[in-house]
Amino acid sequence: MLELRSVSRHFGGLQVLQDVSLTVPAGGIFGLIGPNGAGKTTVFNLVTGLLAPSRGEILLDGASLVGRPPHRITQAGIARTFQNIRVFKAMSLLDNVVVGLHRQLHAGWPATLLALPRFRTEERRARERARELLSWVRLDHKAEELADQLSYGEQRKLELARALATEPRLLLLDEPVAGMNSTEKTELMRELVNIRERGYTLFMIEHDMRFVMGLCERIAVLNFGRIIAQGPPEQIRNDPQVIEAYLGRDDDGDDHDGAVPGHG
């Protein structure tokens, strides 16, 4: 579904990404991992149009995304959550999700201002869809509560529901379990599997290695802006370059004993 071909990005003399190539297959769950500063978030910013590549191609279903503004990329079928939560805390959960449905609403300003039947019908359908999406992340029982009353983990799930409201085919998740406890992580893993089974493709950045290894079917590893490994979890877990990237070497040049964090 998504393909990066020899993508590079530099800021002045700083090379952040160098010839990054990867393929996210349709219907799968793909993980991008790497040490802090490896360039992972830059990849997401390039895919969603917040940045333009210095070189290379980014393709969705074979069509280039390079040069498209973010709202056009959303219309093409890509949605994203962020590492820093961005929910509307003074609004209800239901209204937060309805915001994500705005591009499915076509009544126009006159119908909206006058509350004409077309507007009322669209609003009813939008709120029904929003409740359905909240049920996917098990927050429908709190639909009328304000978002600032949620726990940190629940706010992350609300952001996921709002991203799904844009009706994407590809969902980018930037550290989806950051701040969650072990129970919340287990629940979210089950919910993400259910979302994939509904026909969505998932592409995530995550530092929790147990979560990534337990959920993703394929994983790519970035280090200093370059892809150093790609493959299924077991291959990545035991890859010498990945182990070195996370654990480094002793002063005498020997590798540290162990494996990718969380699996040693």
C-alpha atoms as a PDB file:
ATOM      1  CA  MET A   1       0.000   0.000   0.000  1.00  0.00           C
ATOM      2  CA  LEU A   2       2.745   2.457   0.995  1.00  0.00           C
ATOM      3  CA  GLU A   3       6.215   2.518  -0.534  1.00  0.00           C
ATOM      4  CA  LEU A   4       9.239   4.699   0.184  1.00  0.00           C
ATOM      5  CA  ARG A   5      11.915   4.607  -2.512  1.00  0.00           C
ATOM      6  CA  SER A   6      15.381   5.920  -1.626  1.00  0.00           C
ATOM      7  CA  VAL A   7      13.929   8.732   0.482  1.00  0.00           C
ATOM      8  CA  SER A   8      16.369  11.242   1.959  1.00  0.00           C
ATOM      9  CA  ARG A   9      15.809  14.375   3.993  1.00  0.00           C
ATOM     10  CA  HIS A  10      18.336  16.943   5.131  1.00  0.00           C
ATOM     11  CA  PHE A  11      18.056  20.172   7.082  1.00  0.00           C
ATOM     12  CA  GLY A  12      20.903  22.339   5.851  1.00  0.00           C
ATOM     13  CA  GLY A  13      24.003  20.239   6.387  1.00  0.00           C
ATOM     14  CA  LEU A  14      22.257  17.762   8.709  1.00  0.00           C
ATOM     15  CA  GLN A  15      21.296  14.515   6.965  1.00  0.00           C
ATOM     16  CA  VAL A  16      18.314  13.118   8.891  1.00  0.00           C
ATOM     17  CA  LEU A  17      17.308  10.311   6.490  1.00  0.00           C
ATOM     18  CA  GLN A  18      19.525   8.634   3.914  1.00  0.00           C
ATOM     19  CA  ASP A  19      18.137   6.459   1.110  1.00  0.00           C
ATOM     20  CA  VAL A  20      15.295   4.986   3.154  1.00  0.00           C
ATOM     21  CA  SER A  21      13.333   2.335   1.267  1.00  0.00           C
ATOM     22  CA  LEU A  22      10.511   0.285   2.762  1.00  0.00           C
ATOM     23  CA  THR A  23       7.171  -1.217   1.778  1.00  0.00           C
ATOM     24  CA  VAL A  24       4.070  -1.402   3.974  1.00  0.00           C
ATOM     25  CA  PRO A  25       1.803  -4.167   2.618  1.00  0.00           C
ATOM     26  CA  ALA A  26      -1.954  -3.685   2.475  1.00  0.00           C
ATOM     27  CA  GLY A  27      -3.834  -5.272   5.360  1.00  0.00           C
ATOM     28  CA  GLY A  28      -0.769  -5.696   7.555  1.00  0.00           C
ATOM     29  CA  ILE A  29       0.674  -4.231  10.740  1.00  0.00           C
ATOM     30  CA  PHE A  30       4.113  -2.748  10.066  1.00  0.00           C
ATOM     31  CA  GLY A  31       6.480  -1.389  12.718  1.00  0.00           C
ATOM     32  CA  LEU A  32       9.280   1.167  12.464  1.00  0.00           C
ATOM     33  CA  ILE A  33      11.704   1.112  15.380  1.00  0.00           C
ATOM     34  CA  GLY A  34      15.079   2.564  16.224  1.00  0.00           C
ATOM     35  CA  PRO A  35      16.969   4.480  18.912  1.00  0.00           C
ATOM     36  CA  ASN A  36      15.989   8.034  19.801  1.00  0.00           C
ATOM     37  CA  GLY A  37      16.967  10.453  17.038  1.00  0.00           C
ATOM     38  CA  ALA A  38      17.060   7.758  14.363  1.00  0.00           C
ATOM     39  CA  GLY A  39      14.599   9.636  12.110  1.00  0.00           C
ATOM     40  CA  LYS A  40      11.370   7.727  12.723  1.00  0.00           C
ATOM     41  CA  THR A  41       9.078  10.715  13.229  1.00  0.00           C
ATOM     42  CA  THR A  42      10.638  12.388  10.188  1.00  0.00           C
ATOM     43  CA  VAL A  43       9.420   9.418   8.127  1.00  0.00           C
ATOM     44  CA  PHE A  44       5.854  10.016   9.344  1.00  0.00           C
ATOM     45  CA  ASN A  45       6.155  13.756   8.682  1.00  0.00           C
ATOM     46  CA  LEU A  46       7.227  13.010   5.115  1.00  0.00           C
ATOM     47  CA  VAL A  47       4.432  10.510   4.484  1.00  0.00           C
ATOM     48  CA  THR A  48       1.768  12.916   5.791  1.00  0.00           C
ATOM     49  CA  GLY A  49       3.075  15.933   3.878  1.00  0.00           C
ATOM     50  CA  LEU A  50       4.296  17.968   6.845  1.00  0.00           C
ATOM     51  CA  LEU A  51       7.748  17.773   5.243  1.00  0.00           C
ATOM     52  CA  ALA A  52       8.899  17.184   1.674  1.00  0.00           C
ATOM     53  CA  PRO A  53      11.707  14.732   0.905  1.00  0.00           C
ATOM     54  CA  SER A  54      14.993  16.152  -0.290  1.00  0.00           C
ATOM     55  CA  ARG A  55      15.201  13.175  -2.620  1.00  0.00           C
ATOM     56  CA  GLY A  56      13.208  10.021  -3.357  1.00  0.00           C
ATOM     57  CA  GLU A  57       9.615   8.909  -3.901  1.00  0.00           C
ATOM     58  CA  ILE A  58       6.707   8.222  -1.536  1.00  0.00           C
ATOM     59  CA  LEU A  59       3.870   6.249  -3.134  1.00  0.00           C
ATOM     60  CA  LEU A  60       0.394   5.272  -1.954  1.00  0.00           C
ATOM     61  CA  ASP A  61      -1.071   2.513  -4.127  1.00  0.00           C
ATOM     62  CA  GLY A  62       1.493   3.476  -6.763  1.00  0.00           C
ATOM     63  CA  ALA A  63       0.554   7.191  -6.838  1.00  0.00           C
ATOM     64  CA  SER A  64       3.080   9.767  -5.643  1.00  0.00           C
ATOM     65  CA  LEU A  65       2.346  11.712  -2.465  1.00  0.00           C
ATOM     66  CA  VAL A  66       5.288  14.080  -2.883  1.00  0.00           C
ATOM     67  CA  GLY A  67       4.126  17.678  -3.166  1.00  0.00           C
ATOM     68  CA  ARG A  68       0.601  17.047  -1.912  1.00  0.00           C
ATOM     69  CA  PRO A  69      -0.521  19.165   1.081  1.00  0.00           C
ATOM     70  CA  PRO A  70      -1.502  17.306   4.265  1.00  0.00           C
ATOM     71  CA  HIS A  71      -5.263  17.644   3.730  1.00  0.00           C
ATOM     72  CA  ARG A  72      -4.967  16.056   0.275  1.00  0.00           C
ATOM     73  CA  ILE A  73      -2.990  13.184   1.749  1.00  0.00           C
ATOM     74  CA  THR A  74      -5.748  12.710   4.334  1.00  0.00           C
ATOM     75  CA  GLN A  75      -8.277  12.639   1.505  1.00  0.00           C
ATOM     76  CA  ALA A  76      -6.137  10.006  -0.237  1.00  0.00           C
ATOM     77  CA  GLY A  77      -6.673   7.722   2.749  1.00  0.00           C
ATOM     78  CA  ILE A  78      -3.932   8.312   5.334  1.00  0.00           C
ATOM     79  CA  ALA A  79      -4.586   9.291   8.973  1.00  0.00           C
ATOM     80  CA  ARG A  80      -2.182   9.783  11.847  1.00  0.00           C
ATOM     81  CA  THR A  81      -1.978   9.967  15.614  1.00  0.00           C
ATOM     82  CA  PHE A  82       0.797  11.939  17.300  1.00  0.00           C
ATOM     83  CA  GLN A  83       3.375  11.210  19.969  1.00  0.00           C
ATOM     84  CA  ASN A  84       2.031  14.195  21.943  1.00  0.00           C
ATOM     85  CA  ILE A  85      -1.712  13.817  22.510  1.00  0.00           C
ATOM     86  CA  ARG A  86      -3.801  16.359  20.610  1.00  0.00           C
ATOM     87  CA  VAL A  87      -7.393  15.955  21.732  1.00  0.00           C
ATOM     88  CA  PHE A  88      -9.854  18.789  22.419  1.00  0.00           C
ATOM     89  CA  LYS A  89     -10.031  18.519  26.198  1.00  0.00           C
ATOM     90  CA  ALA A  90     -12.946  20.945  26.638  1.00  0.00           C
ATOM     91  CA  MET A  91     -15.133  18.907  24.260  1.00  0.00           C
ATOM     92  CA  SER A  92     -16.914  15.609  24.813  1.00  0.00           C
ATOM     93  CA  LEU A  93     -15.458  12.383  23.488  1.00  0.00           C
ATOM     94  CA  LEU A  94     -18.309  12.206  20.996  1.00  0.00           C
ATOM     95  CA  ASP A  95     -17.639  15.714  19.664  1.00  0.00           C
ATOM     96  CA  ASN A  96     -13.904  14.987  19.429  1.00  0.00           C
ATOM     97  CA  VAL A  97     -14.633  12.104  17.075  1.00  0.00           C
ATOM     98  CA  VAL A  98     -17.268  14.024  15.117  1.00  0.00           C
ATOM     99  CA  VAL A  99     -14.547  16.589  14.307  1.00  0.00           C
ATOM    100  CA  GLY A 100     -12.712  13.847  12.437  1.00  0.00           C
ATOM    101  CA  LEU A 101     -15.803  13.199  10.325  1.00  0.00           C
ATOM    102  CA  HIS A 102     -15.924  16.719   8.865  1.00  0.00           C
ATOM    103  CA  ARG A 103     -14.959  15.682   5.336  1.00  0.00           C
ATOM    104  CA  GLN A 104     -17.950  13.309   5.214  1.00  0.00           C
ATOM    105  CA  LEU A 105     -20.323  16.234   5.889  1.00  0.00           C
ATOM    106  CA  HIS A 106     -21.602  18.109   2.832  1.00  0.00           C
ATOM    107  CA  ALA A 107     -24.644  20.077   3.986  1.00  0.00           C
ATOM    108  CA  GLY A 108     -22.921  23.469   3.628  1.00  0.00           C
ATOM    109  CA  TRP A 109     -23.130  26.621   5.736  1.00  0.00           C
ATOM    110  CA  PRO A 110     -26.731  27.682   4.889  1.00  0.00           C
ATOM    111  CA  ALA A 111     -28.129  24.273   5.803  1.00  0.00           C
ATOM    112  CA  THR A 112     -26.004  24.206   8.946  1.00  0.00           C
ATOM    113  CA  LEU A 113     -26.914  27.700  10.137  1.00  0.00           C
ATOM    114  CA  LEU A 114     -30.611  27.113   9.489  1.00  0.00           C
ATOM    115  CA  ALA A 115     -30.535  23.513  10.808  1.00  0.00           C
ATOM    116  CA  LEU A 116     -32.227  22.285   7.644  1.00  0.00           C
ATOM    117  CA  PRO A 117     -33.235  18.594   7.335  1.00  0.00           C
ATOM    118  CA  ARG A 118     -30.121  17.704   5.320  1.00  0.00           C
ATOM    119  CA  PHE A 119     -27.884  19.065   8.078  1.00  0.00           C
ATOM    120  CA  ARG A 120     -29.837  17.291  10.815  1.00  0.00           C
ATOM    121  CA  THR A 121     -29.624  13.990   8.921  1.00  0.00           C
ATOM    122  CA  GLU A 122     -25.868  14.301   8.407  1.00  0.00           C
ATOM    123  CA  GLU A 123     -25.306  15.291  12.029  1.00  0.00           C
ATOM    124  CA  ARG A 124     -27.298  12.282  13.275  1.00  0.00           C
ATOM    125  CA  ARG A 125     -25.328   9.914  11.043  1.00  0.00           C
ATOM    126  CA  ALA A 126     -22.025  11.486  12.098  1.00  0.00           C
ATOM    127  CA  ARG A 127     -22.826  11.044  15.774  1.00  0.00           C
ATOM    128  CA  GLU A 128     -23.903   7.437  15.204  1.00  0.00           C
ATOM    129  CA  ARG A 129     -20.615   6.744  13.419  1.00  0.00           C
ATOM    130  CA  ALA A 130     -18.668   8.489  16.173  1.00  0.00           C
ATOM    131  CA  ARG A 131     -20.314   6.276  18.807  1.00  0.00           C
ATOM    132  CA  GLU A 132     -19.457   3.215  16.751  1.00  0.00           C
ATOM    133  CA  LEU A 133     -15.793   4.243  16.548  1.00  0.00           C
ATOM    134  CA  LEU A 134     -15.693   4.926  20.280  1.00  0.00           C
ATOM    135  CA  SER A 135     -17.018   1.400  20.822  1.00  0.00           C
ATOM    136  CA  TRP A 136     -14.064   0.033  18.836  1.00  0.00           C
ATOM    137  CA  VAL A 137     -11.714   1.452  21.483  1.00  0.00           C
ATOM    138  CA  ARG A 138     -14.113   0.701  24.367  1.00  0.00           C
ATOM    139  CA  LEU A 139     -14.891   4.324  25.199  1.00  0.00           C
ATOM    140  CA  ASP A 140     -18.526   4.494  24.061  1.00  0.00           C
ATOM    141  CA  HIS A 141     -19.740   4.389  27.683  1.00  0.00           C
ATOM    142  CA  LYS A 142     -17.967   7.746  28.212  1.00  0.00           C
ATOM    143  CA  ALA A 143     -19.150   9.367  24.982  1.00  0.00           C
ATOM    144  CA  GLU A 144     -20.727  12.392  26.688  1.00  0.00           C
ATOM    145  CA  GLU A 145     -17.878  13.029  29.150  1.00  0.00           C
ATOM    146  CA  LEU A 146     -15.291  15.751  28.589  1.00  0.00           C
ATOM    147  CA  ALA A 147     -11.972  14.571  27.193  1.00  0.00           C
ATOM    148  CA  ASP A 148     -10.015  16.130  30.070  1.00  0.00           C
ATOM    149  CA  GLN A 149     -11.675  13.647  32.435  1.00  0.00           C
ATOM    150  CA  LEU A 150      -9.972  10.717  30.701  1.00  0.00           C
ATOM    151  CA  SER A 151      -6.805   8.999  31.826  1.00  0.00           C
ATOM    152  CA  TYR A 152      -3.696   9.464  29.696  1.00  0.00           C
ATOM    153  CA  GLY A 153      -4.162   6.048  28.102  1.00  0.00           C
ATOM    154  CA  GLU A 154      -7.836   6.728  27.372  1.00  0.00           C
ATOM    155  CA  GLN A 155      -6.932  10.014  25.680  1.00  0.00           C
ATOM    156  CA  ARG A 156      -4.621   8.073  23.370  1.00  0.00           C
ATOM    157  CA  LYS A 157      -7.474   5.746  22.476  1.00  0.00           C
ATOM    158  CA  LEU A 158      -9.735   8.733  21.839  1.00  0.00           C
ATOM    159  CA  GLU A 159      -7.157  10.135  19.435  1.00  0.00           C
ATOM    160  CA  LEU A 160      -7.144   6.772  17.656  1.00  0.00           C
ATOM    161  CA  ALA A 161     -10.949   6.872  17.290  1.00  0.00           C
ATOM    162  CA  ARG A 162     -10.784  10.401  15.882  1.00  0.00           C
ATOM    163  CA  ALA A 163      -8.121   9.355  13.346  1.00  0.00           C
ATOM    164  CA  LEU A 164     -10.366   6.486  12.251  1.00  0.00           C
ATOM    165  CA  ALA A 165     -13.186   9.001  11.742  1.00  0.00           C
ATOM    166  CA  THR A 166     -11.388  10.350   8.656  1.00  0.00           C
ATOM    167  CA  GLU A 167     -12.073   6.918   7.088  1.00  0.00           C
ATOM    168  CA  PRO A 168      -8.439   6.127   6.242  1.00  0.00           C
ATOM    169  CA  ARG A 169      -7.102   3.021   4.581  1.00  0.00           C
ATOM    170  CA  LEU A 170      -3.656   3.501   6.140  1.00  0.00           C
ATOM    171  CA  LEU A 171      -3.340   4.513   9.801  1.00  0.00           C
ATOM    172  CA  LEU A 172      -0.028   5.881  11.107  1.00  0.00           C
ATOM    173  CA  LEU A 173       0.419   5.459  14.870  1.00  0.00           C
ATOM    174  CA  ASP A 174       3.172   7.472  16.582  1.00  0.00           C
ATOM    175  CA  GLU A 175       3.996   5.691  19.872  1.00  0.00           C
ATOM    176  CA  PRO A 176       0.413   4.538  20.527  1.00  0.00           C
ATOM    177  CA  VAL A 177       1.112   2.962  23.949  1.00  0.00           C
ATOM    178  CA  ALA A 178       3.259   5.747  25.417  1.00  0.00           C
ATOM    179  CA  GLY A 179       2.058   6.422  28.963  1.00  0.00           C
ATOM    180  CA  MET A 180      -0.147   3.319  29.138  1.00  0.00           C
ATOM    181  CA  ASN A 181       0.039   0.697  31.872  1.00  0.00           C
ATOM    182  CA  SER A 182       0.361  -2.997  31.056  1.00  0.00           C
ATOM    183  CA  THR A 183      -3.418  -3.613  31.160  1.00  0.00           C
ATOM    184  CA  GLU A 184      -4.100  -0.712  28.784  1.00  0.00           C
ATOM    185  CA  LYS A 185      -1.393  -1.946  26.432  1.00  0.00           C
ATOM    186  CA  THR A 186      -2.934  -5.414  26.302  1.00  0.00           C
ATOM    187  CA  GLU A 187      -6.370  -3.933  25.588  1.00  0.00           C
ATOM    188  CA  LEU A 188      -5.015  -1.672  22.848  1.00  0.00           C
ATOM    189  CA  MET A 189      -3.163  -4.549  21.195  1.00  0.00           C
ATOM    190  CA  ARG A 190      -6.438  -6.480  20.976  1.00  0.00           C
ATOM    191  CA  GLU A 191      -8.259  -3.409  19.652  1.00  0.00           C
ATOM    192  CA  LEU A 192      -5.614  -2.745  16.981  1.00  0.00           C
ATOM    193  CA  VAL A 193      -5.852  -6.342  15.790  1.00  0.00           C
ATOM    194  CA  ASN A 194      -9.624  -5.889  15.507  1.00  0.00           C
ATOM    195  CA  ILE A 195      -9.133  -2.666  13.550  1.00  0.00           C
ATOM    196  CA  ARG A 196      -6.773  -4.417  11.139  1.00  0.00           C
ATOM    197  CA  GLU A 197      -9.342  -7.179  10.690  1.00  0.00           C
ATOM    198  CA  ARG A 198     -11.879  -4.519   9.658  1.00  0.00           C
ATOM    199  CA  GLY A 199      -9.726  -3.785   6.616  1.00  0.00           C
ATOM    200  CA  TYR A 200      -7.283  -1.132   7.795  1.00  0.00           C
ATOM    201  CA  THR A 201      -3.512  -1.139   7.309  1.00  0.00           C
ATOM    202  CA  LEU A 202      -1.428  -0.059  10.326  1.00  0.00           C
ATOM    203  CA  PHE A 203       2.053   1.502  10.314  1.00  0.00           C
ATOM    204  CA  MET A 204       3.465   2.342  13.734  1.00  0.00           C
ATOM    205  CA  ILE A 205       6.429   3.853  15.525  1.00  0.00           C
ATOM    206  CA  GLU A 206       6.836   2.475  19.030  1.00  0.00           C
ATOM    207  CA  HIS A 207       9.566   2.180  21.668  1.00  0.00           C
ATOM    208  CA  ASP A 208       7.905  -0.634  23.622  1.00  0.00           C
ATOM    209  CA  MET A 209       9.642  -3.625  22.075  1.00  0.00           C
ATOM    210  CA  ARG A 210       7.369  -6.229  23.630  1.00  0.00           C
ATOM    211  CA  PHE A 211       4.365  -4.457  22.115  1.00  0.00           C
ATOM    212  CA  VAL A 212       5.981  -4.168  18.673  1.00  0.00           C
ATOM    213  CA  MET A 213       7.246  -7.735  18.615  1.00  0.00           C
ATOM    214  CA  GLY A 214       3.877  -9.058  19.762  1.00  0.00           C
ATOM    215  CA  LEU A 215       1.796  -7.111  17.253  1.00  0.00           C
ATOM    216  CA  CYS A 216       3.721  -6.320  14.055  1.00  0.00           C
ATOM    217  CA  GLU A 217       4.135  -8.832  11.236  1.00  0.00           C
ATOM    218  CA  ARG A 218       7.058  -6.947   9.690  1.00  0.00           C
ATOM    219  CA  ILE A 219       9.465  -4.448  11.203  1.00  0.00           C
ATOM    220  CA  ALA A 220      12.008  -1.996   9.794  1.00  0.00           C
ATOM    221  CA  VAL A 221      14.837  -0.618  11.931  1.00  0.00           C
ATOM    222  CA  LEU A 222      16.271   2.882  11.516  1.00  0.00           C
ATOM    223  CA  ASN A 223      19.632   3.941  12.903  1.00  0.00           C
ATOM    224  CA  PHE A 224      21.261   7.296  12.163  1.00  0.00           C
ATOM    225  CA  GLY A 225      18.772   7.836   9.340  1.00  0.00           C
ATOM    226  CA  ARG A 226      19.423   4.559   7.541  1.00  0.00           C
ATOM    227  CA  ILE A 227      17.476   1.299   7.404  1.00  0.00           C
ATOM    228  CA  ILE A 228      19.734  -1.348   8.945  1.00  0.00           C
ATOM    229  CA  ALA A 229      17.283  -4.275   9.010  1.00  0.00           C
ATOM    230  CA  GLN A 230      13.842  -5.330   7.794  1.00  0.00           C
ATOM    231  CA  GLY A 231      11.888  -8.506   8.330  1.00  0.00           C
ATOM    232  CA  PRO A 232       9.612 -10.461  10.683  1.00  0.00           C
ATOM    233  CA  PRO A 233       9.949  -9.960  14.472  1.00  0.00           C
ATOM    234  CA  GLU A 234      12.077 -13.041  15.157  1.00  0.00           C
ATOM    235  CA  GLN A 235      14.609 -12.010  12.522  1.00  0.00           C
ATOM    236  CA  ILE A 236      14.773  -8.447  13.869  1.00  0.00           C
ATOM    237  CA  ARG A 237      15.080  -9.613  17.470  1.00  0.00           C
ATOM    238  CA  ASN A 238      18.238 -11.563  16.687  1.00  0.00           C
ATOM    239  CA  ASP A 239      19.821  -9.296  14.076  1.00  0.00           C
ATOM    240  CA  PRO A 240      23.400  -8.353  15.151  1.00  0.00           C
ATOM    241  CA  GLN A 241      23.120  -4.822  13.719  1.00  0.00           C
ATOM    242  CA  VAL A 242      19.882  -4.208  15.616  1.00  0.00           C
ATOM    243  CA  ILE A 243      21.388  -5.477  18.867  1.00  0.00           C
ATOM    244  CA  GLU A 244      24.403  -3.230  18.385  1.00  0.00           C
ATOM    245  CA  ALA A 245      22.217  -0.199  17.559  1.00  0.00           C
ATOM    246  CA  TYR A 246      20.303  -0.591  20.815  1.00  0.00           C
ATOM    247  CA  LEU A 247      23.031  -1.855  23.137  1.00  0.00           C
ATOM    248  CA  GLY A 248      26.276  -0.614  21.532  1.00  0.00           C
ATOM    249  CA  ARG A 249      29.683  -2.212  21.924  1.00  0.00           C
ATOM    250  CA  ASP A 250      32.155  -2.494  24.773  1.00  0.00           C
ATOM    251  CA  ASP A 251      35.315  -0.419  24.588  1.00  0.00           C
ATOM    252  CA  ASP A 252      37.243  -3.447  23.365  1.00  0.00           C
ATOM    253  CA  GLY A 253      34.913  -3.755  20.354  1.00  0.00           C
ATOM    254  CA  ASP A 254      32.944  -6.776  21.570  1.00  0.00           C
ATOM    255  CA  ASP A 255      29.169  -6.791  21.336  1.00  0.00           C
ATOM    256  CA  HIS A 256      27.227  -6.617  24.589  1.00  0.00           C
ATOM    257  CA  ASP A 257      25.489  -9.863  25.475  1.00  0.00           C
ATOM    258  CA  GLY A 258      21.731  -9.737  25.101  1.00  0.00           C
ATOM    259  CA  ALA A 259      19.092  -8.901  22.533  1.00  0.00           C
ATOM    260  CA  VAL A 260      16.751  -6.127  21.620  1.00  0.00           C
ATOM    261  CA  PRO A 261      15.502  -4.473  24.872  1.00  0.00           C
ATOM    262  CA  GLY A 262      12.698  -6.402  26.477  1.00  0.00           C
ATOM    263  CA  HIS A 263      13.819  -9.701  24.925  1.00  0.00           C
ATOM    264  CA  GLY A 264      17.200 -10.371  26.501  1.00  0.00           C
END
